[in-house]
Amino acid sequence: MKTVNNCRRVVLAGSDGCKVLYCEECNVAEVEVGALSLRLEAHAFNSLAEMMQEAVARLAVYSAAKSQSQFTTSVKNVH
């Protein structure tokens, strides 16, 4: 990998505080969240993206189930 100063990075997504950059020469994606910077080879970045998408889907299901459970519980207590 080259040093950051030699890389020509392009912004793939995001804005100040949270963004993804990519260097084609290094084949490295850099995820920046605040002061945290994570540099990943393209295949590792793709694996991370797939895992995050799965986690988002599972969180949505979890949140919906929890919401439904709270609704059902509150309905049972009504007289």
Protein backbone atom coordinates (compact mmCIF):
# COMPACT_ATOMS: atom_id res chain seq x y z
CA MET A 1 0.00 0.00 0.00
CA LYS A 2 1.16 3.51 -0.72
CA THR A 3 1.28 6.21 1.88
CA VAL A 4 -1.84 8.33 2.19
CA ASN A 5 -0.02 11.31 0.66
CA ASN A 6 0.59 9.41 -2.59
CA CYS A 7 -2.98 8.10 -2.89
CA ARG A 8 -5.52 9.73 -5.15
CA ARG A 9 -8.69 9.09 -3.20
CA VAL A 10 -12.22 9.74 -4.42
CA VAL A 11 -15.25 10.14 -2.17
CA LEU A 12 -17.72 7.30 -2.83
CA ALA A 13 -20.34 8.36 -0.29
CA GLY A 14 -20.97 10.52 2.73
CA SER A 15 -19.97 13.97 3.87
CA ASP A 16 -18.11 15.60 6.75
CA GLY A 17 -17.92 13.31 9.76
CA CYS A 18 -18.85 10.09 7.97
CA LYS A 19 -17.67 9.08 4.51
CA VAL A 20 -16.14 6.37 2.35
CA LEU A 21 -13.14 7.11 0.15
CA TYR A 22 -11.50 4.85 -2.43
CA CYS A 23 -8.00 4.68 -3.92
CA GLU A 24 -8.01 2.77 -7.21
CA GLU A 25 -4.23 2.41 -7.28
CA CYS A 26 -4.17 0.72 -3.86
CA ASN A 27 -7.58 -0.97 -4.27
CA VAL A 28 -8.38 0.26 -0.75
CA ALA A 29 -11.58 1.72 0.66
CA GLU A 30 -11.27 4.01 3.66
CA VAL A 31 -14.22 4.38 6.01
CA GLU A 32 -14.08 7.55 8.09
CA VAL A 33 -16.41 8.03 11.07
CA GLY A 34 -15.43 11.04 13.11
CA ALA A 35 -11.83 10.58 14.21
CA LEU A 36 -11.87 6.86 13.32
CA SER A 37 -10.41 5.85 9.96
CA LEU A 38 -10.55 2.23 8.77
CA ARG A 39 -8.64 1.25 5.62
CA LEU A 40 -9.80 -1.99 3.98
CA GLU A 41 -8.85 -3.84 0.83
CA ALA A 42 -11.78 -3.91 -1.59
CA HIS A 43 -12.76 -7.52 -0.84
CA ALA A 44 -12.73 -6.88 2.92
CA PHE A 45 -14.77 -3.71 2.40
CA ASN A 46 -17.35 -5.72 0.40
CA SER A 47 -17.54 -8.30 3.19
CA LEU A 48 -18.04 -5.54 5.76
CA ALA A 49 -20.77 -3.95 3.62
CA GLU A 50 -22.63 -7.28 3.30
CA MET A 51 -22.38 -7.87 7.05
CA MET A 52 -23.67 -4.36 7.80
CA GLN A 53 -26.62 -4.81 5.41
CA GLU A 54 -27.51 -8.08 7.16
CA ALA A 55 -27.23 -6.38 10.56
CA VAL A 56 -29.48 -3.51 9.43
CA ALA A 57 -32.11 -5.99 8.22
CA ARG A 58 -31.95 -7.98 11.46
CA LEU A 59 -32.18 -4.81 13.55
CA ALA A 60 -35.32 -3.81 11.63
CA VAL A 61 -36.88 -7.22 12.31
CA TYR A 62 -35.84 -7.07 15.97
CA SER A 63 -37.24 -3.55 16.38
CA ALA A 64 -40.51 -4.50 14.68
CA ALA A 65 -40.90 -7.60 16.87
CA LYS A 66 -40.14 -5.62 20.01
CA SER A 67 -42.59 -2.91 19.00
CA GLN A 68 -45.26 -5.52 18.26
CA SER A 69 -44.60 -7.20 21.62
CA GLN A 70 -44.96 -3.90 23.47
CA PHE A 71 -48.17 -3.15 21.58
CA THR A 72 -49.59 -6.61 22.35
CA THR A 73 -48.66 -6.29 26.04
CA SER A 74 -50.31 -2.88 26.33
CA VAL A 75 -53.47 -4.13 24.61
CA LYS A 76 -53.81 -7.03 27.10
CA ASN A 77 -53.76 -4.61 30.03
CA VAL A 78 -56.69 -2.56 28.78
CA HIS A 79 -60.00 -3.25 30.60
